[in-house]
Protein backbone atom coordinates (compact mmCIF):
# COMPACT_ATOMS: atom_id res chain seq x y z
CA GLN A 1 -6.10 13.96 -11.10
CA VAL A 2 -2.30 14.22 -11.24
CA GLN A 3 -0.27 17.39 -11.12
CA LEU A 4 3.39 17.86 -12.04
CA VAL A 5 5.20 20.90 -10.66
CA GLU A 6 8.61 21.87 -12.01
CA SER A 7 11.19 24.08 -10.35
CA GLY A 8 14.81 25.08 -10.80
CA GLY A 9 14.74 26.89 -14.12
CA GLY A 10 16.30 30.27 -14.62
CA LEU A 11 19.05 32.28 -16.25
CA VAL A 12 22.61 31.00 -16.23
CA GLN A 13 25.81 31.84 -18.06
CA ALA A 14 27.41 29.41 -20.47
CA GLY A 15 29.39 26.79 -18.60
CA GLY A 16 27.17 26.96 -15.56
CA SER A 17 24.84 24.38 -14.05
CA LEU A 18 21.19 24.07 -13.12
CA ARG A 19 19.21 21.34 -11.38
CA LEU A 20 15.58 20.93 -12.37
CA SER A 21 13.06 19.17 -10.15
CA CYS A 22 9.59 17.85 -10.89
CA ALA A 23 7.29 16.54 -8.19
CA ALA A 24 4.15 14.57 -8.99
CA SER A 25 1.15 14.64 -6.71
CA GLY A 26 -2.45 13.51 -6.74
CA SER A 27 -4.03 10.16 -7.51
CA ILE A 28 -0.84 8.17 -8.03
CA PHE A 29 -0.42 4.46 -7.61
CA SER A 30 2.66 3.84 -9.71
CA ILE A 31 4.73 5.97 -12.10
CA ASN A 32 6.42 3.81 -14.70
CA VAL A 33 8.45 6.46 -16.51
CA MET A 34 9.39 10.05 -15.80
CA GLY A 35 11.35 12.31 -18.06
CA TRP A 36 12.13 15.68 -19.53
CA HIS A 37 11.42 17.21 -22.91
CA ARG A 38 12.39 20.65 -24.17
CA GLN A 39 11.23 23.07 -26.81
CA ALA A 40 13.32 25.94 -28.13
CA PRO A 41 11.78 28.89 -29.98
CA GLY A 42 10.92 27.93 -33.54
CA LYS A 43 11.75 24.26 -32.99
CA GLN A 44 9.79 21.11 -32.26
CA ARG A 45 9.63 19.64 -28.80
CA GLU A 46 12.33 17.01 -28.31
CA LEU A 47 13.05 14.28 -25.83
CA VAL A 48 15.90 15.07 -23.44
CA ALA A 49 16.00 12.15 -21.00
CA THR A 50 13.84 9.49 -19.39
CA ILE A 51 14.13 7.21 -16.40
CA SER A 52 12.07 4.16 -15.49
CA SER A 53 10.99 3.14 -12.02
CA GLY A 54 13.81 0.61 -12.06
CA GLY A 55 16.44 3.21 -12.90
CA SER A 56 16.93 2.56 -16.61
CA THR A 57 17.80 5.81 -18.40
CA THR A 58 17.81 7.17 -21.91
CA TYR A 59 19.34 10.40 -23.20
CA ALA A 60 19.26 12.43 -26.34
CA ASP A 61 22.62 12.25 -28.11
CA SER A 62 22.99 16.00 -27.73
CA VAL A 63 23.07 15.84 -23.91
CA LYS A 64 24.87 12.56 -23.19
CA GLY A 65 27.66 13.17 -20.72
CA GLN A 66 26.31 16.63 -19.97
CA PHE A 67 22.92 16.01 -18.31
CA THR A 68 22.02 13.41 -15.69
CA ILE A 69 18.49 12.29 -14.90
CA SER A 70 17.57 10.72 -11.57
CA ARG A 71 14.45 10.05 -9.53
CA ASP A 72 13.27 9.50 -6.00
CA ASN A 73 10.46 6.98 -6.24
CA ALA A 74 9.37 7.52 -2.65
CA LYS A 75 8.81 11.21 -3.38
CA ASN A 76 7.51 10.78 -6.94
CA THR A 77 10.13 13.28 -8.02
CA VAL A 78 12.44 13.40 -11.02
CA TYR A 79 15.55 15.55 -11.35
CA LEU A 80 17.65 16.78 -14.23
CA GLN A 81 21.18 17.88 -13.42
CA MET A 82 22.42 20.07 -16.27
CA ASN A 83 26.13 20.83 -16.39
CA SER A 84 28.33 22.71 -18.86
CA LEU A 85 25.31 24.53 -20.20
CA LYS A 86 25.48 26.05 -23.66
CA PRO A 87 23.30 28.68 -25.34
CA GLU A 88 21.76 25.95 -27.51
CA ASP A 89 20.34 24.40 -24.33
CA THR A 90 18.02 27.39 -24.00
CA ALA A 91 14.44 26.12 -24.07
CA VAL A 92 11.31 25.51 -22.08
CA TYR A 93 11.80 22.23 -20.25
CA TYR A 94 8.72 20.08 -19.64
CA CYS A 95 8.37 17.31 -17.10
CA TYR A 96 6.53 14.15 -18.16
CA ALA A 97 5.21 11.21 -16.20
CA LYS A 98 3.67 8.01 -17.52
CA LEU A 99 1.59 6.21 -14.94
CA SER A 100 0.50 2.61 -14.79
CA GLY A 101 -2.12 2.08 -17.46
CA ASN A 102 -0.14 4.34 -19.84
CA ARG A 103 -1.81 7.54 -18.67
CA GLY A 104 0.52 10.45 -19.34
CA TYR A 105 0.78 13.86 -17.69
CA TRP A 106 2.75 17.01 -18.46
CA GLY A 107 4.00 19.84 -16.32
CA GLN A 108 3.57 23.47 -17.35
CA GLY A 109 7.23 23.85 -18.21
CA THR A 110 10.10 25.87 -16.79
CA GLN A 111 12.26 28.28 -18.76
CA VAL A 112 15.99 27.68 -18.97
CA THR A 113 18.01 30.46 -20.55
CA VAL A 114 21.76 30.17 -21.12
CA SER A 115 23.61 33.35 -22.02
CA SER A 116 26.84 33.41 -24.01
């Protein structure tokens, strides 16, 4: 059993910043990939960013240069630093972890709301 717990979401004005955290706990041997997805009202869930255990990152084109993903392997924690937030960034942000053996787990999501 693996649990992902997100924190750091909330309400922020346009131009502000938020830092999301996601900590994995439970029966973990090795997490290969951690990342963030988001889903806005009326839209499909989309990939935001991923990071491998070796530090290789990917970003959606819409957030390149704006968001930064990082991880602390010793703590099984992934972070998403979100700067220069815009109203279109409003969404529920979901943490994802892919463990060795390709077993995947999702967090419950945290709401990020950006006001204009």
